[in-house]
Amino acid sequence: MRIVPLSEARRLPLWQRPVALLFLTAAAMPLAFNVWSALLNNFVIEVAGFDGSDIGWLHTVREIPGFLAVGVIALILFVREQVLGLVALLMLGVATAITAFFPSLGGILTVTMLSSIGFHYYETVNQSLQLQWLDRARAPQMLGWILSVGSGATLIAYLCIIVTWKRFDLDYATVYLAGGGITALLAILALFAYPQFEAPHPQVKRMVLRRRYWLYYALQFMSGARRQIFVVFAAFMMVERFGFEVDDITLLYSVTLVANIVLAPAIGRFVTVAGERRTLLIEYAGLMAIFASYGGLYMFGWGVAVAALLYILDHIFFAMALALKTYFQKIADPGDIAPTAAVAFTINHIAAVFLPAALGYLWLTSPAAVFLLATGMAATSFALALLIPRHPAPGHETRLAPLPTAPAE
């Protein structure tokens, strides 16, 4: 395959440039992953008879490849990052397409493991390429647009489910085949239609753990732990407690996607103007209030309208997490981006390996306690974000580090 230096990519047609590839994969990945997620809770409850413990174990298995994402460092010794990411995307699509053909606990766990390897290795490489290919000055806005494109593609898929699920009496196999199959086809297209882009800074091909990145590592750990509670139990609650059917939960997802399509570019601009610290503080404060309110659904008996509103707000605040990416881009050595993306993804998933299964048992006795625990995690993230400088830079990664001094004349 042809190798094109990043500096020369602007001579290519618009559709064949690096940003176009980021947009294409941003649209392709959610078609498999979010279709899988939209149907998952109904599928495992109606077909496989899952309870809270089973869903906890499923998500624990799903997160194991994320914990092992550091293996990307070994793979890029032999495979270019761009190729690795697209092959992983292809794997995600194929595994999603065959999900409904294995309607047992063992079968679902096996297929989930395969799709998770594809998803997590794709995401690791994708985050690395985004930070290598996007100019620092425009990165927040471009990340916002990329998030918006992914949300738009997912919205189209969800609307198709809403319109056709009952009208054509669709089954799980048909929808999973469609979502996963389209992702797989787009991954193959991206493999052969684009040249290999060469970033100006060669990436370190070994594990990188730097003391000066400690705050980024800590925020990644807390983000992963907090995200597990939302991903595993928020949608499961909508099905188990409020009786949402496939088209109901998909409609709720669609509303959150519309919010992301509209607000994600604005969030990117806000990060550019207000900075990473202020953005993340707003995100974590909002999540504290939302998770505490989730607990209130069980303690005070609030209705489905409140639950749906909280779910939508949750997604909006999570979109602000793009500020964590740009914070790292500003403090990182250019050659550290690929190995640190892999290390950070592993750190992000440390809690994910044990937390869903453990909290699945807690869920059986007190769902409110699960969400109150998430409130404490959001509060910890808020305290850590206070240490982010207004203008982060190498040597000034936290407010505890001195400002870099100008060289003597």
Protein backbone atom coordinates (compact mmCIF):
# COMPACT_ATOMS: atom_id res chain seq x y z
CA MET A 1 0.00 0.00 0.00
CA ARG A 2 1.17 3.52 -0.82
CA ILE A 3 2.69 5.50 2.07
CA VAL A 4 1.94 9.23 2.11
CA PRO A 5 3.61 11.62 4.60
CA LEU A 6 1.06 13.60 6.57
CA SER A 7 2.50 16.86 5.23
CA GLU A 8 1.67 15.80 1.66
CA ALA A 9 -1.84 14.45 2.40
CA ARG A 10 -3.40 17.84 1.60
CA ARG A 11 -2.64 17.17 -2.08
CA LEU A 12 -5.00 14.19 -2.08
CA PRO A 13 -8.72 14.49 -2.93
CA LEU A 14 -10.80 15.58 0.08
CA TRP A 15 -12.41 12.15 0.45
CA GLN A 16 -9.00 10.44 0.65
CA ARG A 17 -7.35 12.62 3.30
CA PRO A 18 -6.61 11.52 6.90
CA VAL A 19 -9.52 13.49 8.39
CA ALA A 20 -11.90 11.86 5.90
CA LEU A 21 -10.69 8.44 7.06
CA LEU A 22 -11.30 9.44 10.69
CA PHE A 23 -14.83 10.50 9.77
CA LEU A 24 -15.48 7.25 7.85
CA THR A 25 -14.37 5.03 10.72
CA ALA A 26 -16.22 7.25 13.20
CA ALA A 27 -19.39 6.42 11.27
CA ALA A 28 -18.56 2.72 10.80
CA MET A 29 -17.70 1.70 14.37
CA PRO A 30 -20.98 2.76 16.07
CA LEU A 31 -23.08 0.89 13.51
CA ALA A 32 -21.82 -2.36 14.99
CA PHE A 33 -21.14 -1.41 18.60
CA ASN A 34 -24.23 0.70 19.26
CA VAL A 35 -26.62 -1.63 17.44
CA TRP A 36 -25.19 -4.42 19.62
CA SER A 37 -25.70 -2.24 22.70
CA ALA A 38 -29.23 -1.15 21.75
CA LEU A 39 -30.47 -4.73 21.46
CA LEU A 40 -28.27 -6.29 24.14
CA ASN A 41 -30.38 -5.87 27.27
CA ASN A 42 -33.59 -7.07 25.61
CA PHE A 43 -31.73 -9.88 23.85
CA VAL A 44 -30.09 -11.30 26.97
CA ILE A 45 -33.23 -10.92 29.12
CA GLU A 46 -35.76 -12.26 26.59
CA VAL A 47 -33.65 -14.91 24.84
CA ALA A 48 -30.99 -15.93 27.35
CA GLY A 49 -32.81 -15.17 30.63
CA PHE A 50 -30.04 -13.03 32.14
CA ASP A 51 -30.31 -11.47 35.60
CA GLY A 52 -28.17 -8.69 37.15
CA SER A 53 -25.34 -11.07 37.96
CA ASP A 54 -25.22 -12.48 34.42
CA ILE A 55 -25.12 -9.02 32.82
CA GLY A 56 -22.33 -8.09 35.21
CA TRP A 57 -20.28 -11.09 34.13
CA LEU A 58 -20.94 -10.36 30.47
CA HIS A 59 -19.55 -6.86 30.80
CA THR A 60 -16.58 -8.11 32.82
CA VAL A 61 -15.72 -10.46 29.94
CA ARG A 62 -16.30 -7.62 27.47
CA GLU A 63 -13.78 -5.42 29.23
CA ILE A 64 -10.92 -7.94 29.48
CA PRO A 65 -9.56 -7.00 26.01
CA GLY A 66 -9.63 -3.35 27.09
CA PHE A 67 -7.43 -4.27 30.04
CA LEU A 68 -5.08 -6.01 27.58
CA ALA A 69 -5.04 -3.07 25.13
CA VAL A 70 -1.38 -2.55 26.03
CA GLY A 71 -0.78 -5.47 23.64
CA VAL A 72 -1.21 -2.94 20.81
CA ILE A 73 2.37 -1.84 21.54
CA ALA A 74 3.65 -5.30 20.62
CA LEU A 75 1.48 -5.54 17.52
CA ILE A 76 2.62 -2.21 16.03
CA LEU A 77 6.14 -3.64 15.93
CA PHE A 78 4.90 -5.75 13.01
CA VAL A 79 1.76 -4.01 11.72
CA ARG A 80 1.19 -0.36 10.92
CA GLU A 81 -1.23 1.36 13.31
CA GLN A 82 -3.64 2.27 10.53
CA VAL A 83 -3.86 -1.32 9.27
CA LEU A 84 -4.21 -2.72 12.80
CA GLY A 85 -7.07 -0.34 13.57
CA LEU A 86 -9.01 -1.24 10.42
CA VAL A 87 -8.52 -4.99 10.87
CA ALA A 88 -9.80 -4.63 14.44
CA LEU A 89 -12.82 -2.70 13.10
CA LEU A 90 -13.48 -5.54 10.64
CA MET A 91 -13.34 -8.04 13.52
CA LEU A 92 -15.86 -5.99 15.50
CA GLY A 93 -18.26 -5.96 12.57
CA VAL A 94 -18.08 -9.70 11.90
CA ALA A 95 -18.48 -10.64 15.58
CA THR A 96 -21.49 -8.34 15.94
CA ALA A 97 -23.10 -9.81 12.82
CA ILE A 98 -23.09 -13.37 14.28
CA THR A 99 -24.14 -12.46 17.84
CA ALA A 100 -27.74 -13.71 17.64
CA PHE A 101 -26.66 -17.17 16.47
CA PHE A 102 -25.26 -17.98 19.92
CA PRO A 103 -28.21 -17.40 22.34
CA SER A 104 -26.71 -19.01 25.46
CA LEU A 105 -24.55 -17.67 28.28
CA GLY A 106 -21.42 -19.39 26.96
CA GLY A 107 -22.09 -18.43 23.36
CA ILE A 108 -22.85 -14.81 24.15
CA LEU A 109 -19.72 -14.52 26.30
CA THR A 110 -17.55 -16.00 23.52
CA VAL A 111 -18.88 -13.74 20.76
CA THR A 112 -18.72 -10.77 23.11
CA MET A 113 -15.05 -11.47 23.76
CA LEU A 114 -14.33 -11.49 20.00
CA SER A 115 -16.23 -8.29 19.31
CA SER A 116 -14.59 -6.67 22.32
CA ILE A 117 -11.10 -7.44 21.04
CA GLY A 118 -12.03 -5.69 17.81
CA PHE A 119 -13.65 -2.74 19.56
CA HIS A 120 -10.92 -2.07 22.11
CA TYR A 121 -7.98 -2.49 19.76
CA TYR A 122 -9.70 -0.27 17.20
CA GLU A 123 -10.42 2.39 19.83
CA THR A 124 -6.85 2.30 21.14
CA VAL A 125 -5.38 2.84 17.68
CA ASN A 126 -8.08 5.34 16.71
CA GLN A 127 -7.37 7.59 19.69
CA SER A 128 -3.66 7.46 18.88
CA LEU A 129 -4.19 8.37 15.21
CA GLN A 130 -6.58 11.20 16.08
CA LEU A 131 -3.97 12.87 18.28
CA GLN A 132 -1.19 12.28 15.72
CA TRP A 133 -3.14 13.47 12.69
CA LEU A 134 -5.07 16.44 14.12
CA ASP A 135 -3.42 19.81 14.63
CA ARG A 136 -3.40 20.83 18.31
CA ALA A 137 -5.10 24.15 17.65
CA ARG A 138 -8.02 22.50 15.85
CA ALA A 139 -8.14 19.18 17.70
CA PRO A 140 -11.00 19.99 20.14
CA GLN A 141 -13.28 21.23 17.34
CA MET A 142 -12.40 18.32 15.04
CA LEU A 143 -12.96 15.78 17.82
CA GLY A 144 -16.35 17.37 18.40
CA TRP A 145 -17.23 16.98 14.71
CA ILE A 146 -15.98 13.38 14.69
CA LEU A 147 -18.20 12.62 17.68
CA SER A 148 -21.10 14.29 15.89
CA VAL A 149 -20.58 12.17 12.75
CA GLY A 150 -20.50 8.97 14.80
CA SER A 151 -23.69 10.00 16.56
CA GLY A 152 -25.35 10.80 13.22
CA ALA A 153 -24.52 7.38 11.77
CA THR A 154 -25.83 5.66 14.88
CA LEU A 155 -29.00 7.76 14.81
CA ILE A 156 -29.77 6.57 11.29
CA ALA A 157 -29.36 2.95 12.42
CA TYR A 158 -31.56 3.50 15.48
CA LEU A 159 -34.30 5.19 13.47
CA CYS A 160 -34.30 2.20 11.14
CA ILE A 161 -34.78 -0.08 14.15
CA ILE A 162 -37.58 2.08 15.55
CA VAL A 163 -39.46 2.21 12.24
CA THR A 164 -39.00 -1.42 11.19
CA TRP A 165 -38.75 -3.48 14.40
CA LYS A 166 -42.50 -4.00 14.93
CA ARG A 167 -43.75 -3.15 11.45
CA PHE A 168 -41.72 -5.93 9.81
CA ASP A 169 -41.52 -8.14 12.91
CA LEU A 170 -37.72 -8.17 12.80
CA ASP A 171 -35.69 -10.59 14.85
CA TYR A 172 -32.37 -10.07 16.59
CA ALA A 173 -30.40 -11.99 13.97
CA THR A 174 -31.51 -9.70 11.12
CA VAL A 175 -30.60 -6.49 12.95
CA TYR A 176 -27.26 -7.77 14.20
CA LEU A 177 -26.37 -9.01 10.70
CA ALA A 178 -27.21 -5.63 9.20
CA GLY A 179 -25.34 -3.50 11.75
CA GLY A 180 -22.24 -5.68 11.93
CA GLY A 181 -22.19 -6.38 8.20
CA ILE A 182 -22.18 -2.70 7.21
CA THR A 183 -19.34 -2.01 9.64
CA ALA A 184 -17.33 -4.89 8.18
CA LEU A 185 -17.88 -3.63 4.61
CA LEU A 186 -16.80 -0.09 5.53
CA ALA A 187 -13.68 -1.43 7.23
CA ILE A 188 -12.73 -3.34 4.04
CA LEU A 189 -13.35 -0.19 1.98
CA ALA A 190 -11.10 1.85 4.28
CA LEU A 191 -8.34 -0.77 4.08
CA PHE A 192 -8.10 -0.57 0.29
CA ALA A 193 -9.29 2.94 -0.63
CA TYR A 194 -6.84 4.95 1.49
CA PRO A 195 -3.04 5.21 1.43
CA GLN A 196 -1.01 4.65 4.59
CA PHE A 197 -0.45 8.01 6.28
CA GLU A 198 2.96 8.63 7.84
CA ALA A 199 2.97 11.01 10.84
CA PRO A 200 6.05 13.25 11.20
CA HIS A 201 7.00 11.89 14.64
CA PRO A 202 7.92 8.17 14.84
CA GLN A 203 6.12 6.48 17.71
CA VAL A 204 7.94 4.75 20.56
CA LYS A 205 7.26 1.03 20.17
CA ARG A 206 7.57 0.00 23.81
CA MET A 207 5.59 0.53 26.97
CA VAL A 208 5.78 4.12 28.21
CA LEU A 209 4.97 5.04 31.82
CA ARG A 210 6.07 8.55 32.72
CA ARG A 211 5.71 10.07 36.16
CA ARG A 212 4.73 13.41 34.69
CA TYR A 213 1.60 11.83 33.13
CA TRP A 214 0.30 10.65 36.52
CA LEU A 215 -2.75 12.94 36.56
CA TYR A 216 -3.81 11.76 33.09
CA TYR A 217 -3.47 8.14 34.26
CA ALA A 218 -5.55 8.84 37.39
CA LEU A 219 -8.32 10.54 35.43
CA GLN A 220 -8.37 7.65 32.97
CA PHE A 221 -8.72 5.13 35.81
CA MET A 222 -11.62 7.01 37.37
CA SER A 223 -13.27 7.50 33.97
CA GLY A 224 -13.17 3.76 33.30
CA ALA A 225 -14.60 2.83 36.70
CA ARG A 226 -17.38 5.41 36.48
CA ARG A 227 -18.22 4.56 32.87
CA GLN A 228 -18.74 0.90 33.73
CA ILE A 229 -21.59 1.70 36.09
CA PHE A 230 -23.35 3.77 33.43
CA VAL A 231 -22.77 1.37 30.52
CA VAL A 232 -23.69 -1.77 32.45
CA PHE A 233 -26.52 -0.68 34.71
CA ALA A 234 -28.21 2.49 33.39
CA ALA A 235 -29.75 0.88 30.29
CA PHE A 236 -30.29 -2.39 32.15
CA MET A 237 -32.35 -0.40 34.69
CA MET A 238 -34.55 1.03 31.92
CA VAL A 239 -35.42 -2.50 30.76
CA GLU A 240 -35.62 -4.27 34.14
CA ARG A 241 -37.35 -1.56 36.22
CA PHE A 242 -39.38 0.34 33.63
CA GLY A 243 -40.08 -2.43 31.10
CA PHE A 244 -38.59 -0.73 28.02
CA GLU A 245 -38.84 -2.77 24.82
CA VAL A 246 -36.36 -2.72 21.93
CA ASP A 247 -37.98 0.20 20.12
CA ASP A 248 -38.43 2.11 23.41
CA ILE A 249 -34.77 1.85 24.44
CA THR A 250 -33.69 2.62 20.86
CA LEU A 251 -35.85 5.74 20.83
CA LEU A 252 -34.19 6.86 24.07
CA TYR A 253 -30.76 6.26 22.54
CA SER A 254 -31.84 8.25 19.47
CA VAL A 255 -32.73 11.30 21.55
CA THR A 256 -29.27 11.20 23.15
CA LEU A 257 -27.71 10.96 19.71
CA VAL A 258 -29.58 14.02 18.44
CA ALA A 259 -28.26 15.88 21.49
CA ASN A 260 -24.70 14.76 20.66
CA ILE A 261 -25.02 15.67 16.98
CA VAL A 262 -26.10 19.19 17.89
CA LEU A 263 -23.92 19.77 20.95
CA ALA A 264 -20.65 17.89 20.26
CA PRO A 265 -19.20 20.53 17.87
CA ALA A 266 -20.20 23.23 20.36
CA ILE A 267 -18.48 21.29 23.15
CA GLY A 268 -15.34 21.13 21.01
CA ARG A 269 -15.42 24.91 20.57
CA PHE A 270 -16.04 25.34 24.30
CA VAL A 271 -12.92 23.32 25.11
CA THR A 272 -10.90 25.57 22.79
CA VAL A 273 -12.15 28.71 24.55
CA ALA A 274 -12.58 27.60 28.17
CA GLY A 275 -9.81 25.00 28.41
CA GLU A 276 -9.69 21.40 29.53
CA ARG A 277 -9.85 22.02 33.29
CA ARG A 278 -13.09 24.01 33.23
CA THR A 279 -14.71 21.59 30.79
CA LEU A 280 -13.87 18.52 32.86
CA LEU A 281 -14.98 20.19 36.09
CA ILE A 282 -18.38 20.89 34.52
CA GLU A 283 -18.58 17.29 33.30
CA TYR A 284 -17.76 15.75 36.66
CA ALA A 285 -20.05 18.08 38.61
CA GLY A 286 -22.90 17.19 36.27
CA LEU A 287 -22.22 13.47 36.59
CA MET A 288 -22.22 13.72 40.38
CA ALA A 289 -25.72 15.17 40.28
CA ILE A 290 -26.94 12.64 37.70
CA PHE A 291 -25.64 9.53 39.47
CA ALA A 292 -27.07 10.74 42.80
CA SER A 293 -30.41 11.20 41.04
CA TYR A 294 -30.21 7.67 39.61
CA GLY A 295 -30.03 6.47 43.20
CA GLY A 296 -33.06 8.63 43.97
CA LEU A 297 -35.07 6.68 41.37
CA TYR A 298 -34.95 3.71 43.71
CA MET A 299 -35.02 5.50 47.05
CA PHE A 300 -37.88 7.89 46.25
CA GLY A 301 -39.76 6.05 43.50
CA TRP A 302 -39.34 8.67 40.76
CA GLY A 303 -40.96 7.72 37.46
CA VAL A 304 -39.80 6.79 33.99
CA ALA A 305 -39.77 10.40 32.72
CA VAL A 306 -37.13 11.35 35.28
CA ALA A 307 -35.09 8.24 34.42
CA ALA A 308 -35.18 9.05 30.69
CA LEU A 309 -34.18 12.67 31.27
CA LEU A 310 -31.24 11.61 33.45
CA TYR A 311 -30.10 9.15 30.79
CA ILE A 312 -30.10 11.87 28.11
CA LEU A 313 -28.21 14.34 30.35
CA ASP A 314 -25.72 11.61 31.19
CA HIS A 315 -24.78 11.24 27.52
CA ILE A 316 -24.41 14.99 27.08
CA PHE A 317 -21.98 15.30 29.98
CA PHE A 318 -20.00 12.27 28.84
CA ALA A 319 -19.38 14.03 25.50
CA MET A 320 -17.22 16.53 27.39
CA ALA A 321 -14.67 13.75 27.96
CA LEU A 322 -13.01 14.76 24.68
CA ALA A 323 -11.23 17.39 26.81
CA LEU A 324 -9.24 14.59 28.44
CA LYS A 325 -7.84 13.65 25.02
CA THR A 326 -6.76 17.19 24.22
CA TYR A 327 -5.26 17.59 27.71
CA PHE A 328 -2.98 14.65 26.98
CA GLN A 329 -2.18 15.93 23.48
CA LYS A 330 -0.92 19.18 25.04
CA ILE A 331 1.34 17.55 27.67
CA ALA A 332 2.66 14.57 25.66
CA ASP A 333 5.89 14.12 23.79
CA PRO A 334 4.83 13.55 20.13
CA GLY A 335 6.44 10.09 20.06
CA ASP A 336 4.60 8.98 23.20
CA ILE A 337 1.09 9.16 21.77
CA ALA A 338 0.72 5.57 20.46
CA PRO A 339 2.23 3.70 23.45
CA THR A 340 0.52 5.98 25.98
CA ALA A 341 -2.84 5.49 24.26
CA ALA A 342 -2.41 1.75 24.78
CA VAL A 343 -1.28 2.14 28.39
CA ALA A 344 -4.08 4.61 29.14
CA PHE A 345 -6.67 2.27 27.64
CA THR A 346 -5.41 -0.51 29.89
CA ILE A 347 -5.52 1.77 32.94
CA ASN A 348 -9.03 2.86 31.94
CA HIS A 349 -10.09 -0.80 32.04
CA ILE A 350 -8.47 -1.95 35.29
CA ALA A 351 -11.70 -1.46 37.22
CA ALA A 352 -13.72 -2.79 34.30
CA VAL A 353 -12.35 -6.30 34.77
CA PHE A 354 -13.81 -6.78 38.24
CA LEU A 355 -16.31 -3.95 38.81
CA PRO A 356 -19.28 -5.11 36.64
CA ALA A 357 -19.32 -8.62 38.14
CA ALA A 358 -18.88 -7.36 41.70
CA LEU A 359 -21.52 -4.67 41.33
CA GLY A 360 -23.84 -7.18 39.65
CA TYR A 361 -24.15 -8.90 43.03
CA LEU A 362 -24.63 -5.56 44.80
CA TRP A 363 -27.34 -4.73 42.25
CA LEU A 364 -29.33 -7.76 43.38
CA THR A 365 -29.63 -6.29 46.89
CA SER A 366 -29.43 -2.49 46.36
CA PRO A 367 -29.43 -0.85 42.90
CA ALA A 368 -29.37 2.58 44.57
CA ALA A 369 -26.04 1.74 46.24
CA VAL A 370 -24.49 1.07 42.82
CA PHE A 371 -25.35 4.56 41.61
CA LEU A 372 -24.31 6.22 44.88
CA LEU A 373 -20.91 4.55 44.47
CA ALA A 374 -20.69 6.14 41.01
CA THR A 375 -21.46 9.51 42.60
CA GLY A 376 -18.38 9.12 44.78
CA MET A 377 -16.28 8.25 41.73
CA ALA A 378 -17.44 11.40 39.94
CA ALA A 379 -16.55 13.44 43.04
CA THR A 380 -13.05 11.93 43.03
CA SER A 381 -12.65 12.84 39.36
CA PHE A 382 -13.75 16.41 40.15
CA ALA A 383 -11.06 16.70 42.83
CA LEU A 384 -8.39 15.41 40.43
CA ALA A 385 -9.49 17.78 37.65
CA LEU A 386 -8.82 20.74 39.94
CA LEU A 387 -5.13 19.95 39.45
CA ILE A 388 -5.21 20.49 35.66
CA PRO A 389 -3.45 23.77 34.71
CA ARG A 390 -5.27 26.42 32.72
CA HIS A 391 -2.63 26.04 29.99
CA PRO A 392 -1.17 22.51 30.21
CA ALA A 393 2.17 21.90 28.49
CA PRO A 394 5.16 19.55 28.74
CA GLY A 395 6.74 20.29 32.11
CA HIS A 396 3.51 21.89 33.35
CA GLU A 397 1.23 18.86 33.40
CA THR A 398 -0.39 19.72 36.75
CA ARG A 399 -0.84 22.80 38.90
CA LEU A 400 1.69 21.22 41.27
CA ALA A 401 4.40 21.45 38.60
CA PRO A 402 6.21 24.79 38.06
CA LEU A 403 5.51 26.84 34.97
CA PRO A 404 8.13 26.24 32.26
CA THR A 405 10.62 29.09 32.12
CA ALA A 406 11.80 30.70 28.93
CA PRO A 407 15.43 30.00 27.98
CA ALA A 408 17.92 32.71 28.86
CA GLU A 409 18.85 35.13 26.11
